[in-house]
Amino acid sequence: MLALGREVTQAQRRVIRGSCWTFVNTVYKEAGYGGRQRVRVFRSKSRGPYVDADVLQPGDFLSYINHSYNRGVHSAIFVDWLDRPRREALMLSYVGGNRSKPGGYRSYLLTHVYSVIRPK
């Protein structure tokens, strides 16, 4: 999952237009993890409750409140913790909004994660 995401965003610089969710879903499908090859580990509503940080694993497809952009909802792939106590993580993400930009790596605060999907 993470290797394909790196290939798509860094080596190919491929643009996957649509939403942030579309980007993550496309990377998952191209890595061989379509609908039946996924398991939902945690599901809630955007207003909570939120997942315990110990549940998260590299490659997880997360949906969470984006504190760096108007507290809107966002989806991205969890890569690793940058600052675990603060819940700051490195994520593989696409800005969304149908922009003509490739995805990339960015840090996000993961204090309000309400959906976790993982490859089976």
PDB file of N, CA and C in Angstrom:
ATOM      1  N   MET A   1       0.813  -1.183   0.000  1.00  0.00           N
ATOM      2  CA  MET A   1       0.000   0.000   0.000  1.00  0.00           C
ATOM      3  C   MET A   1       0.862   1.254   0.000  1.00  0.00           C
ATOM      4  N   LEU A   2       1.760   1.337   0.976  1.00  0.00           N
ATOM      5  CA  LEU A   2       2.593   2.534   1.089  1.00  0.00           C
ATOM      6  C   LEU A   2       3.576   2.645  -0.074  1.00  0.00           C
ATOM      7  N   ALA A   3       4.086   1.520  -0.534  1.00  0.00           N
ATOM      8  CA  ALA A   3       5.013   1.544  -1.674  1.00  0.00           C
ATOM      9  C   ALA A   3       4.304   2.032  -2.933  1.00  0.00           C
ATOM     10  N   LEU A   4       3.093   1.564  -3.164  1.00  0.00           N
ATOM     11  CA  LEU A   4       2.343   2.012  -4.340  1.00  0.00           C
ATOM     12  C   LEU A   4       2.002   3.499  -4.216  1.00  0.00           C
ATOM     13  N   GLY A   5       1.595   3.921  -3.045  1.00  0.00           N
ATOM     14  CA  GLY A   5       1.296   5.336  -2.827  1.00  0.00           C
ATOM     15  C   GLY A   5       2.497   6.217  -3.100  1.00  0.00           C
ATOM     16  N   ARG A   6       3.675   5.784  -2.650  1.00  0.00           N
ATOM     17  CA  ARG A   6       4.916   6.529  -2.911  1.00  0.00           C
ATOM     18  C   ARG A   6       5.203   6.562  -4.407  1.00  0.00           C
ATOM     19  N   GLU A   7       5.022   5.446  -5.087  1.00  0.00           N
ATOM     20  CA  GLU A   7       5.250   5.370  -6.532  1.00  0.00           C
ATOM     21  C   GLU A   7       4.339   6.335  -7.288  1.00  0.00           C
ATOM     22  N   VAL A   8       3.054   6.310  -6.955  1.00  0.00           N
ATOM     23  CA  VAL A   8       2.059   7.154  -7.635  1.00  0.00           C
ATOM     24  C   VAL A   8       2.342   8.637  -7.410  1.00  0.00           C
ATOM     25  N   THR A   9       2.665   9.001  -6.174  1.00  0.00           N
ATOM     26  CA  THR A   9       2.797  10.424  -5.852  1.00  0.00           C
ATOM     27  C   THR A   9       4.189  10.984  -6.088  1.00  0.00           C
ATOM     28  N   GLN A  10       5.230  10.204  -5.831  1.00  0.00           N
ATOM     29  CA  GLN A  10       6.584  10.731  -5.901  1.00  0.00           C
ATOM     30  C   GLN A  10       7.280  10.422  -7.228  1.00  0.00           C
ATOM     31  N   ALA A  11       7.241   9.170  -7.651  1.00  0.00           N
ATOM     32  CA  ALA A  11       7.925   8.786  -8.891  1.00  0.00           C
ATOM     33  C   ALA A  11       7.127   9.195 -10.131  1.00  0.00           C
ATOM     34  N   GLN A  12       5.870   8.822 -10.177  1.00  0.00           N
ATOM     35  CA  GLN A  12       5.032   9.125 -11.343  1.00  0.00           C
ATOM     36  C   GLN A  12       4.477  10.542 -11.317  1.00  0.00           C
ATOM     37  N   ARG A  13       4.316  11.095 -10.112  1.00  0.00           N
ATOM     38  CA  ARG A  13       3.675  12.415  -9.936  1.00  0.00           C
ATOM     39  C   ARG A  13       2.307  12.445 -10.620  1.00  0.00           C
ATOM     40  N   ARG A  14       1.622  11.290 -10.552  1.00  0.00           N
ATOM     41  CA  ARG A  14       0.327  11.139 -11.211  1.00  0.00           C
ATOM     42  C   ARG A  14      -0.769  11.900 -10.478  1.00  0.00           C
ATOM     43  N   VAL A  15      -1.625  12.528 -11.244  1.00  0.00           N
ATOM     44  CA  VAL A  15      -2.761  13.256 -10.691  1.00  0.00           C
ATOM     45  C   VAL A  15      -3.980  12.342 -10.716  1.00  0.00           C
ATOM     46  N   ILE A  16      -4.580  12.152  -9.538  1.00  0.00           N
ATOM     47  CA  ILE A  16      -5.826  11.401  -9.418  1.00  0.00           C
ATOM     48  C   ILE A  16      -6.857  12.430  -8.981  1.00  0.00           C
ATOM     49  N   ARG A  17      -7.579  12.954  -9.939  1.00  0.00           N
ATOM     50  CA  ARG A  17      -8.516  14.049  -9.661  1.00  0.00           C
ATOM     51  C   ARG A  17      -9.778  13.550  -8.975  1.00  0.00           C
ATOM     52  N   GLY A  18     -10.335  14.415  -8.181  1.00  0.00           N
ATOM     53  CA  GLY A  18     -11.563  14.112  -7.455  1.00  0.00           C
ATOM     54  C   GLY A  18     -11.435  14.615  -6.040  1.00  0.00           C
ATOM     55  N   SER A  19     -11.880  13.806  -5.117  1.00  0.00           N
ATOM     56  CA  SER A  19     -11.817  14.172  -3.701  1.00  0.00           C
ATOM     57  C   SER A  19     -10.633  13.464  -3.041  1.00  0.00           C
ATOM     58  N   CYS A  20     -10.379  13.821  -1.796  1.00  0.00           N
ATOM     59  CA  CYS A  20      -9.348  13.122  -1.033  1.00  0.00           C
ATOM     60  C   CYS A  20      -9.711  11.640  -0.908  1.00  0.00           C
ATOM     61  N   TRP A  21     -11.011  11.356  -0.705  1.00  0.00           N
ATOM     62  CA  TRP A  21     -11.475   9.978  -0.586  1.00  0.00           C
ATOM     63  C   TRP A  21     -11.223   9.217  -1.895  1.00  0.00           C
ATOM     64  N   THR A  22     -11.469   9.857  -3.031  1.00  0.00           N
ATOM     65  CA  THR A  22     -11.238   9.237  -4.336  1.00  0.00           C
ATOM     66  C   THR A  22      -9.776   8.847  -4.493  1.00  0.00           C
ATOM     67  N   PHE A  23      -8.878   9.722  -4.065  1.00  0.00           N
ATOM     68  CA  PHE A  23      -7.441   9.446  -4.143  1.00  0.00           C
ATOM     69  C   PHE A  23      -7.086   8.202  -3.339  1.00  0.00           C
ATOM     70  N   VAL A  24      -7.492   8.162  -2.074  1.00  0.00           N
ATOM     71  CA  VAL A  24      -7.155   7.017  -1.218  1.00  0.00           C
ATOM     72  C   VAL A  24      -7.793   5.738  -1.752  1.00  0.00           C
ATOM     73  N   ASN A  25      -9.045   5.809  -2.153  1.00  0.00           N
ATOM     74  CA  ASN A  25      -9.733   4.646  -2.690  1.00  0.00           C
ATOM     75  C   ASN A  25      -9.028   4.112  -3.936  1.00  0.00           C
ATOM     76  N   THR A  26      -8.561   4.995  -4.807  1.00  0.00           N
ATOM     77  CA  THR A  26      -7.855   4.581  -6.026  1.00  0.00           C
ATOM     78  C   THR A  26      -6.544   3.890  -5.685  1.00  0.00           C
ATOM     79  N   VAL A  27      -5.783   4.447  -4.754  1.00  0.00           N
ATOM     80  CA  VAL A  27      -4.522   3.816  -4.343  1.00  0.00           C
ATOM     81  C   VAL A  27      -4.805   2.440  -3.759  1.00  0.00           C
ATOM     82  N   TYR A  28      -5.819   2.321  -2.919  1.00  0.00           N
ATOM     83  CA  TYR A  28      -6.187   1.026  -2.342  1.00  0.00           C
ATOM     84  C   TYR A  28      -6.549   0.017  -3.435  1.00  0.00           C
ATOM     85  N   LYS A  29      -7.391   0.420  -4.373  1.00  0.00           N
ATOM     86  CA  LYS A  29      -7.803  -0.499  -5.445  1.00  0.00           C
ATOM     87  C   LYS A  29      -6.618  -0.922  -6.300  1.00  0.00           C
ATOM     88  N   GLU A  30      -5.752   0.025  -6.651  1.00  0.00           N
ATOM     89  CA  GLU A  30      -4.595  -0.310  -7.484  1.00  0.00           C
ATOM     90  C   GLU A  30      -3.592  -1.198  -6.750  1.00  0.00           C
ATOM     91  N   ALA A  31      -3.597  -1.145  -5.425  1.00  0.00           N
ATOM     92  CA  ALA A  31      -2.730  -2.014  -4.633  1.00  0.00           C
ATOM     93  C   ALA A  31      -3.349  -3.402  -4.448  1.00  0.00           C
ATOM     94  N   GLY A  32      -4.557  -3.600  -4.989  1.00  0.00           N
ATOM     95  CA  GLY A  32      -5.209  -4.905  -4.907  1.00  0.00           C
ATOM     96  C   GLY A  32      -6.171  -5.041  -3.747  1.00  0.00           C
ATOM     97  N   TYR A  33      -6.539  -3.912  -3.137  1.00  0.00           N
ATOM     98  CA  TYR A  33      -7.445  -3.943  -2.004  1.00  0.00           C
ATOM     99  C   TYR A  33      -8.755  -3.240  -2.335  1.00  0.00           C
ATOM    100  N   GLY A  34      -9.537  -3.891  -3.196  1.00  0.00           N
ATOM    101  CA  GLY A  34     -10.872  -3.395  -3.514  1.00  0.00           C
ATOM    102  C   GLY A  34     -11.791  -3.638  -2.334  1.00  0.00           C
ATOM    103  N   GLY A  35     -13.078  -3.453  -2.524  1.00  0.00           N
ATOM    104  CA  GLY A  35     -14.059  -3.524  -1.448  1.00  0.00           C
ATOM    105  C   GLY A  35     -13.991  -4.741  -0.551  1.00  0.00           C
ATOM    106  N   ARG A  36     -13.918  -5.932  -1.115  1.00  0.00           N
ATOM    107  CA  ARG A  36     -13.939  -7.158  -0.300  1.00  0.00           C
ATOM    108  C   ARG A  36     -12.586  -7.484   0.322  1.00  0.00           C
ATOM    109  N   GLN A  37     -11.554  -6.786  -0.088  1.00  0.00           N
ATOM    110  CA  GLN A  37     -10.221  -7.023   0.473  1.00  0.00           C
ATOM    111  C   GLN A  37      -9.897  -6.014   1.576  1.00  0.00           C
ATOM    112  N   ARG A  38     -10.944  -5.398   2.129  1.00  0.00           N
ATOM    113  CA  ARG A  38     -10.781  -4.400   3.185  1.00  0.00           C
ATOM    114  C   ARG A  38     -11.615  -4.797   4.392  1.00  0.00           C
ATOM    115  N   VAL A  39     -11.177  -4.331   5.536  1.00  0.00           N
ATOM    116  CA  VAL A  39     -11.945  -4.523   6.756  1.00  0.00           C
ATOM    117  C   VAL A  39     -12.056  -3.172   7.464  1.00  0.00           C
ATOM    118  N   ARG A  40     -13.257  -2.868   7.937  1.00  0.00           N
ATOM    119  CA  ARG A  40     -13.456  -1.622   8.694  1.00  0.00           C
ATOM    120  C   ARG A  40     -13.128  -1.927  10.147  1.00  0.00           C
ATOM    121  N   VAL A  41     -12.085  -1.306  10.644  1.00  0.00           N
ATOM    122  CA  VAL A  41     -11.599  -1.530  11.998  1.00  0.00           C
ATOM    123  C   VAL A  41     -12.354  -0.653  12.996  1.00  0.00           C
ATOM    124  N   PHE A  42     -12.744   0.547  12.567  1.00  0.00           N
ATOM    125  CA  PHE A  42     -13.449   1.480  13.440  1.00  0.00           C
ATOM    126  C   PHE A  42     -14.347   2.350  12.583  1.00  0.00           C
ATOM    127  N   ARG A  43     -15.554   2.610  13.096  1.00  0.00           N
ATOM    128  CA  ARG A  43     -16.482   3.486  12.373  1.00  0.00           C
ATOM    129  C   ARG A  43     -17.325   4.253  13.374  1.00  0.00           C
ATOM    130  N   SER A  44     -17.411   5.534  13.146  1.00  0.00           N
ATOM    131  CA  SER A  44     -18.220   6.401  13.985  1.00  0.00           C
ATOM    132  C   SER A  44     -18.776   7.502  13.093  1.00  0.00           C
ATOM    133  N   LYS A  45     -19.182   8.600  13.682  1.00  0.00           N
ATOM    134  CA  LYS A  45     -19.620   9.769  12.927  1.00  0.00           C
ATOM    135  C   LYS A  45     -18.546  10.837  13.049  1.00  0.00           C
ATOM    136  N   SER A  46     -18.576  11.813  12.165  1.00  0.00           N
ATOM    137  CA  SER A  46     -17.546  12.845  12.198  1.00  0.00           C
ATOM    138  C   SER A  46     -17.540  13.617  13.517  1.00  0.00           C
ATOM    139  N   ARG A  47     -18.631  13.589  14.254  1.00  0.00           N
ATOM    140  CA  ARG A  47     -18.676  14.280  15.547  1.00  0.00           C
ATOM    141  C   ARG A  47     -18.266  13.359  16.708  1.00  0.00           C
ATOM    142  N   GLY A  48     -17.880  12.120  16.389  1.00  0.00           N
ATOM    143  CA  GLY A  48     -17.358  11.208  17.398  1.00  0.00           C
ATOM    144  C   GLY A  48     -18.342  10.118  17.748  1.00  0.00           C
ATOM    145  N   PRO A  49     -17.908   9.214  18.605  1.00  0.00           N
ATOM    146  CA  PRO A  49     -16.615   9.137  19.282  1.00  0.00           C
ATOM    147  C   PRO A  49     -15.479   8.843  18.308  1.00  0.00           C
ATOM    148  N   TYR A  50     -14.240   9.024  18.801  1.00  0.00           N
ATOM    149  CA  TYR A  50     -13.062   8.886  17.951  1.00  0.00           C
ATOM    150  C   TYR A  50     -12.212   7.692  18.377  1.00  0.00           C
ATOM    151  N   VAL A  51     -11.444   7.189  17.431  1.00  0.00           N
ATOM    152  CA  VAL A  51     -10.645   5.985  17.642  1.00  0.00           C
ATOM    153  C   VAL A  51      -9.475   6.250  18.598  1.00  0.00           C
ATOM    154  N   ASP A  52      -9.091   5.216  19.333  1.00  0.00           N
ATOM    155  CA  ASP A  52      -7.898   5.245  20.164  1.00  0.00           C
ATOM    156  C   ASP A  52      -6.685   5.193  19.225  1.00  0.00           C
ATOM    157  N   ALA A  53      -5.698   6.022  19.469  1.00  0.00           N
ATOM    158  CA  ALA A  53      -4.519   6.111  18.602  1.00  0.00           C
ATOM    159  C   ALA A  53      -3.770   4.787  18.484  1.00  0.00           C
ATOM    160  N   ASP A  54      -3.857   3.922  19.492  1.00  0.00           N
ATOM    161  CA  ASP A  54      -3.158   2.636  19.452  1.00  0.00           C
ATOM    162  C   ASP A  54      -3.673   1.709  18.365  1.00  0.00           C
ATOM    163  N   VAL A  55      -4.852   1.978  17.849  1.00  0.00           N
ATOM    164  CA  VAL A  55      -5.453   1.144  16.806  1.00  0.00           C
ATOM    165  C   VAL A  55      -4.778   1.368  15.452  1.00  0.00           C
ATOM    166  N   LEU A  56      -4.254   2.561  15.212  1.00  0.00           N
ATOM    167  CA  LEU A  56      -3.749   2.931  13.887  1.00  0.00           C
ATOM    168  C   LEU A  56      -2.481   2.184  13.504  1.00  0.00           C
ATOM    169  N   GLN A  57      -2.444   1.760  12.220  1.00  0.00           N
ATOM    170  CA  GLN A  57      -1.295   1.054  11.662  1.00  0.00           C
ATOM    171  C   GLN A  57      -0.934   1.671  10.314  1.00  0.00           C
ATOM    172  N   PRO A  58       0.357   1.628   9.959  1.00  0.00           N
ATOM    173  CA  PRO A  58       0.758   2.131   8.637  1.00  0.00           C
ATOM    174  C   PRO A  58      -0.061   1.471   7.522  1.00  0.00           C
ATOM    175  N   GLY A  59      -0.529   2.299   6.596  1.00  0.00           N
ATOM    176  CA  GLY A  59      -1.341   1.813   5.482  1.00  0.00           C
ATOM    177  C   GLY A  59      -2.837   1.945   5.712  1.00  0.00           C
ATOM    178  N   ASP A  60      -3.262   2.293   6.914  1.00  0.00           N
ATOM    179  CA  ASP A  60      -4.691   2.446   7.193  1.00  0.00           C
ATOM    180  C   ASP A  60      -5.289   3.610   6.410  1.00  0.00           C
ATOM    181  N   PHE A  61      -6.500   3.415   5.945  1.00  0.00           N
ATOM    182  CA  PHE A  61      -7.305   4.414   5.216  1.00  0.00           C
ATOM    183  C   PHE A  61      -8.131   5.124   6.293  1.00  0.00           C
ATOM    184  N   LEU A  62      -7.783   6.366   6.595  1.00  0.00           N
ATOM    185  CA  LEU A  62      -8.428   7.100   7.678  1.00  0.00           C
ATOM    186  C   LEU A  62      -9.341   8.202   7.162  1.00  0.00           C
ATOM    187  N   SER A  63     -10.412   8.441   7.884  1.00  0.00           N
ATOM    188  CA  SER A  63     -11.241   9.629   7.703  1.00  0.00           C
ATOM    189  C   SER A  63     -11.229  10.343   9.045  1.00  0.00           C
ATOM    190  N   TYR A  64     -11.019  11.661   9.014  1.00  0.00           N
ATOM    191  CA  TYR A  64     -10.818  12.420  10.245  1.00  0.00           C
ATOM    192  C   TYR A  64     -11.140  13.892  10.038  1.00  0.00           C
ATOM    193  N   ILE A  65     -11.218  14.605  11.149  1.00  0.00           N
ATOM    194  CA  ILE A  65     -11.419  16.046  11.102  1.00  0.00           C
ATOM    195  C   ILE A  65     -10.066  16.686  10.770  1.00  0.00           C
ATOM    196  N   ASN A  66     -10.060  17.511   9.734  1.00  0.00           N
ATOM    197  CA  ASN A  66      -8.836  18.179   9.294  1.00  0.00           C
ATOM    198  C   ASN A  66      -8.707  19.513  10.027  1.00  0.00           C
ATOM    199  N   HIS A  67      -7.914  19.531  11.064  1.00  0.00           N
ATOM    200  CA  HIS A  67      -7.744  20.735  11.881  1.00  0.00           C
ATOM    201  C   HIS A  67      -6.961  21.827  11.160  1.00  0.00           C
ATOM    202  N   SER A  68      -6.240  21.479  10.114  1.00  0.00           N
ATOM    203  CA  SER A  68      -5.456  22.494   9.400  1.00  0.00           C
ATOM    204  C   SER A  68      -6.257  23.160   8.276  1.00  0.00           C
ATOM    205  N   TYR A  69      -7.484  22.702   8.038  1.00  0.00           N
ATOM    206  CA  TYR A  69      -8.292  23.304   6.987  1.00  0.00           C
ATOM    207  C   TYR A  69      -9.754  23.375   7.412  1.00  0.00           C
ATOM    208  N   ASN A  70     -10.119  24.380   8.130  1.00  0.00           N
ATOM    209  CA  ASN A  70     -11.501  24.679   8.517  1.00  0.00           C
ATOM    210  C   ASN A  70     -12.228  23.556   9.255  1.00  0.00           C
ATOM    211  N   ARG A  71     -11.495  22.664   9.864  1.00  0.00           N
ATOM    212  CA  ARG A  71     -12.098  21.532  10.594  1.00  0.00           C
ATOM    213  C   ARG A  71     -13.058  20.724   9.723  1.00  0.00           C
ATOM    214  N   GLY A  72     -12.769  20.677   8.435  1.00  0.00           N
ATOM    215  CA  GLY A  72     -13.556  19.859   7.524  1.00  0.00           C
ATOM    216  C   GLY A  72     -13.156  18.400   7.645  1.00  0.00           C
ATOM    217  N   VAL A  73     -13.874  17.533   6.966  1.00  0.00           N
ATOM    218  CA  VAL A  73     -13.519  16.116   6.968  1.00  0.00           C
ATOM    219  C   VAL A  73     -12.468  15.858   5.882  1.00  0.00           C
ATOM    220  N   HIS A  74     -11.621  14.865   6.128  1.00  0.00           N
ATOM    221  CA  HIS A  74     -10.549  14.548   5.195  1.00  0.00           C
ATOM    222  C   HIS A  74     -10.267  13.053   5.263  1.00  0.00           C
ATOM    223  N   SER A  75      -9.766  12.498   4.171  1.00  0.00           N
ATOM    224  CA  SER A  75      -9.334  11.101   4.121  1.00  0.00           C
ATOM    225  C   SER A  75      -7.912  11.050   3.605  1.00  0.00           C
ATOM    226  N   ALA A  76      -7.108  10.151   4.168  1.00  0.00           N
ATOM    227  CA  ALA A  76      -5.719   9.986   3.754  1.00  0.00           C
ATOM    228  C   ALA A  76      -5.228   8.630   4.270  1.00  0.00           C
ATOM    229  N   ILE A  77      -4.006   8.273   3.870  1.00  0.00           N
ATOM    230  CA  ILE A  77      -3.394   7.011   4.288  1.00  0.00           C
ATOM    231  C   ILE A  77      -2.367   7.294   5.377  1.00  0.00           C
ATOM    232  N   PHE A  78      -2.510   6.602   6.505  1.00  0.00           N
ATOM    233  CA  PHE A  78      -1.586   6.758   7.631  1.00  0.00           C
ATOM    234  C   PHE A  78      -0.240   6.144   7.273  1.00  0.00           C
ATOM    235  N   VAL A  79       0.832   6.927   7.464  1.00  0.00           N
ATOM    236  CA  VAL A  79       2.188   6.437   7.192  1.00  0.00           C
ATOM    237  C   VAL A  79       2.892   6.104   8.504  1.00  0.00           C
ATOM    238  N   ASP A  80       3.008   7.084   9.397  1.00  0.00           N
ATOM    239  CA  ASP A  80       3.690   6.861  10.676  1.00  0.00           C
ATOM    240  C   ASP A  80       3.483   8.078  11.575  1.00  0.00           C
ATOM    241  N   TRP A  81       3.804   7.902  12.845  1.00  0.00           N
ATOM    242  CA  TRP A  81       3.725   9.011  13.781  1.00  0.00           C
ATOM    243  C   TRP A  81       4.946   9.913  13.640  1.00  0.00           C
ATOM    244  N   LEU A  82       4.718  11.210  13.628  1.00  0.00           N
ATOM    245  CA  LEU A  82       5.792  12.194  13.698  1.00  0.00           C
ATOM    246  C   LEU A  82       6.008  12.601  15.151  1.00  0.00           C
ATOM    247  N   ASP A  83       4.913  12.752  15.885  1.00  0.00           N
ATOM    248  CA  ASP A  83       4.940  13.086  17.300  1.00  0.00           C
ATOM    249  C   ASP A  83       3.758  12.377  17.951  1.00  0.00           C
ATOM    250  N   ARG A  84       3.991  11.177  18.396  1.00  0.00           N
ATOM    251  CA  ARG A  84       2.922  10.312  18.911  1.00  0.00           C
ATOM    252  C   ARG A  84       2.147  10.953  20.064  1.00  0.00           C
ATOM    253  N   PRO A  85       2.819  11.533  21.076  1.00  0.00           N
ATOM    254  CA  PRO A  85       2.063  12.139  22.175  1.00  0.00           C
ATOM    255  C   PRO A  85       1.107  13.260  21.716  1.00  0.00           C
ATOM    256  N   ARG A  86       1.494  14.030  20.724  1.00  0.00           N
ATOM    257  CA  ARG A  86       0.623  15.090  20.194  1.00  0.00           C
ATOM    258  C   ARG A  86      -0.376  14.563  19.175  1.00  0.00           C
ATOM    259  N   ARG A  87      -0.180  13.299  18.759  1.00  0.00           N
ATOM    260  CA  ARG A  87      -0.988  12.651  17.712  1.00  0.00           C
ATOM    261  C   ARG A  87      -0.809  13.344  16.359  1.00  0.00           C
ATOM    262  N   GLU A  88       0.417  13.744  16.098  1.00  0.00           N
ATOM    263  CA  GLU A  88       0.774  14.312  14.795  1.00  0.00           C
ATOM    264  C   GLU A  88       1.357  13.188  13.943  1.00  0.00           C
ATOM    265  N   ALA A  89       0.785  13.016  12.742  1.00  0.00           N
ATOM    266  CA  ALA A  89       1.176  11.888  11.900  1.00  0.00           C
ATOM    267  C   ALA A  89       1.547  12.336  10.501  1.00  0.00           C
ATOM    268  N   LEU A  90       2.402  11.551   9.868  1.00  0.00           N
ATOM    269  CA  LEU A  90       2.709  11.721   8.456  1.00  0.00           C
ATOM    270  C   LEU A  90       1.655  10.946   7.685  1.00  0.00           C
ATOM    271  N   MET A  91       1.018  11.628   6.733  1.00  0.00           N
ATOM    272  CA  MET A  91      -0.062  11.034   5.963  1.00  0.00           C
ATOM    273  C   MET A  91       0.223  11.165   4.477  1.00  0.00           C
ATOM    274  N   LEU A  92      -0.240  10.198   3.703  1.00  0.00           N
ATOM    275  CA  LEU A  92      -0.211  10.264   2.243  1.00  0.00           C
ATOM    276  C   LEU A  92      -1.581  10.774   1.834  1.00  0.00           C
ATOM    277  N   SER A  93      -1.601  11.946   1.208  1.00  0.00           N
ATOM    278  CA  SER A  93      -2.850  12.675   1.070  1.00  0.00           C
ATOM    279  C   SER A  93      -2.926  13.409  -0.262  1.00  0.00           C
ATOM    280  N   TYR A  94      -4.144  13.731  -0.647  1.00  0.00           N
ATOM    281  CA  TYR A  94      -4.435  14.561  -1.820  1.00  0.00           C
ATOM    282  C   TYR A  94      -5.327  15.694  -1.340  1.00  0.00           C
ATOM    283  N   VAL A  95      -5.074  16.907  -1.832  1.00  0.00           N
ATOM    284  CA  VAL A  95      -5.816  18.065  -1.342  1.00  0.00           C
ATOM    285  C   VAL A  95      -7.302  18.012  -1.666  1.00  0.00           C
ATOM    286  N   GLY A  96      -7.703  17.283  -2.680  1.00  0.00           N
ATOM    287  CA  GLY A  96      -9.116  17.180  -3.036  1.00  0.00           C
ATOM    288  C   GLY A  96      -9.566  18.353  -3.885  1.00  0.00           C
ATOM    289  N   GLY A  97     -10.854  18.553  -3.935  1.00  0.00           N
ATOM    290  CA  GLY A  97     -11.414  19.659  -4.705  1.00  0.00           C
ATOM    291  C   GLY A  97     -11.190  19.542  -6.196  1.00  0.00           C
ATOM    292  N   ASN A  98     -10.933  18.326  -6.675  1.00  0.00           N
ATOM    293  CA  ASN A  98     -10.737  18.070  -8.103  1.00  0.00           C
ATOM    294  C   ASN A  98      -9.547  18.851  -8.678  1.00  0.00           C
ATOM    295  N   ARG A  99      -8.585  19.176  -7.809  1.00  0.00           N
ATOM    296  CA  ARG A  99      -7.416  19.946  -8.247  1.00  0.00           C
ATOM    297  C   ARG A  99      -6.471  19.092  -9.080  1.00  0.00           C
ATOM    298  N   SER A 100      -5.771  19.728  -9.964  1.00  0.00           N
ATOM    299  CA  SER A 100      -4.832  19.051 -10.855  1.00  0.00           C
ATOM    300  C   SER A 100      -3.442  19.025 -10.223  1.00  0.00           C
ATOM    301  N   LYS A 101      -3.346  18.356  -9.064  1.00  0.00           N
ATOM    302  CA  LYS A 101      -2.093  18.235  -8.325  1.00  0.00           C
ATOM    303  C   LYS A 101      -1.938  16.790  -7.885  1.00  0.00           C
ATOM    304  N   PRO A 102      -0.709  16.283  -7.881  1.00  0.00           N
ATOM    305  CA  PRO A 102      -0.515  14.925  -7.355  1.00  0.00           C
ATOM    306  C   PRO A 102      -0.640  14.924  -5.832  1.00  0.00           C
ATOM    307  N   GLY A 103      -0.917  13.775  -5.281  1.00  0.00           N
ATOM    308  CA  GLY A 103      -0.929  13.634  -3.832  1.00  0.00           C
ATOM    309  C   GLY A 103       0.488  13.725  -3.308  1.00  0.00           C
ATOM    310  N   GLY A 104       0.626  13.713  -2.010  1.00  0.00           N
ATOM    311  CA  GLY A 104       1.950  13.784  -1.404  1.00  0.00           C
ATOM    312  C   GLY A 104       1.882  13.544   0.091  1.00  0.00           C
ATOM    313  N   TYR A 105       3.008  13.790   0.749  1.00  0.00           N
ATOM    314  CA  TYR A 105       3.121  13.569   2.180  1.00  0.00           C
ATOM    315  C   TYR A 105       2.920  14.884   2.923  1.00  0.00           C
ATOM    316  N   ARG A 106       2.176  14.798   4.015  1.00  0.00           N
ATOM    317  CA  ARG A 106       1.899  15.985   4.810  1.00  0.00           C
ATOM    318  C   ARG A 106       1.593  15.545   6.240  1.00  0.00           C
ATOM    319  N   SER A 107       1.868  16.423   7.194  1.00  0.00           N
ATOM    320  CA  SER A 107       1.539  16.085   8.584  1.00  0.00           C
ATOM    321  C   SER A 107       0.131  16.576   8.912  1.00  0.00           C
ATOM    322  N   TYR A 108      -0.559  15.791   9.729  1.00  0.00           N
ATOM    323  CA  TYR A 108      -1.903  16.122  10.194  1.00  0.00           C
ATOM    324  C   TYR A 108      -2.016  15.730  11.662  1.00  0.00           C
ATOM    325  N   LEU A 109      -2.853  16.441  12.380  1.00  0.00           N
ATOM    326  CA  LEU A 109      -3.196  16.046  13.739  1.00  0.00           C
ATOM    327  C   LEU A 109      -4.337  15.041  13.666  1.00  0.00           C
ATOM    328  N   LEU A 110      -4.146  13.893  14.295  1.00  0.00           N
ATOM    329  CA  LEU A 110      -5.143  12.826  14.234  1.00  0.00           C
ATOM    330  C   LEU A 110      -5.845  12.665  15.585  1.00  0.00           C
ATOM    331  N   THR A 111      -6.383  13.744  16.075  1.00  0.00           N
ATOM    332  CA  THR A 111      -7.092  13.701  17.349  1.00  0.00           C
ATOM    333  C   THR A 111      -8.563  13.338  17.180  1.00  0.00           C
ATOM    334  N   HIS A 112      -9.074  13.423  15.952  1.00  0.00           N
ATOM    335  CA  HIS A 112     -10.496  13.164  15.708  1.00  0.00           C
ATOM    336  C   HIS A 112     -10.692  12.228  14.505  1.00  0.00           C
ATOM    337  N   VAL A 113     -10.161  11.025  14.606  1.00  0.00           N
ATOM    338  CA  VAL A 113     -10.302  10.012  13.561  1.00  0.00           C
ATOM    339  C   VAL A 113     -11.590   9.239  13.817  1.00  0.00           C
ATOM    340  N   TYR A 114     -12.473   9.224  12.818  1.00  0.00           N
ATOM    341  CA  TYR A 114     -13.759   8.560  13.005  1.00  0.00           C
ATOM    342  C   TYR A 114     -13.978   7.353  12.092  1.00  0.00           C
ATOM    343  N   SER A 115     -13.017   7.046  11.219  1.00  0.00           N
ATOM    344  CA  SER A 115     -13.134   5.852  10.388  1.00  0.00           C
ATOM    345  C   SER A 115     -11.740   5.305  10.093  1.00  0.00           C
ATOM    346  N   VAL A 116     -11.595   3.994  10.271  1.00  0.00           N
ATOM    347  CA  VAL A 116     -10.330   3.313   9.988  1.00  0.00           C
ATOM    348  C   VAL A 116     -10.653   2.076   9.146  1.00  0.00           C
ATOM    349  N   ILE A 117     -10.076   2.026   7.951  1.00  0.00           N
ATOM    350  CA  ILE A 117     -10.230   0.879   7.058  1.00  0.00           C
ATOM    351  C   ILE A 117      -8.835   0.320   6.820  1.00  0.00           C
ATOM    352  N   ARG A 118      -8.730  -1.006   6.776  1.00  0.00           N
ATOM    353  CA  ARG A 118      -7.434  -1.661   6.656  1.00  0.00           C
ATOM    354  C   ARG A 118      -7.530  -2.778   5.622  1.00  0.00           C
ATOM    355  N   PRO A 119      -6.424  -3.020   4.887  1.00  0.00           N
ATOM    356  CA  PRO A 119      -6.413  -4.181   3.987  1.00  0.00           C
ATOM    357  C   PRO A 119      -6.577  -5.471   4.787  1.00  0.00           C
ATOM    358  N   LYS A 120      -7.286  -6.444   4.215  1.00  0.00           N
ATOM    359  CA  LYS A 120      -7.431  -7.759   4.871  1.00  0.00           C
ATOM    360  C   LYS A 120      -6.156  -8.536   4.724  1.00  0.00           C
TER     361      LYS A 120
END
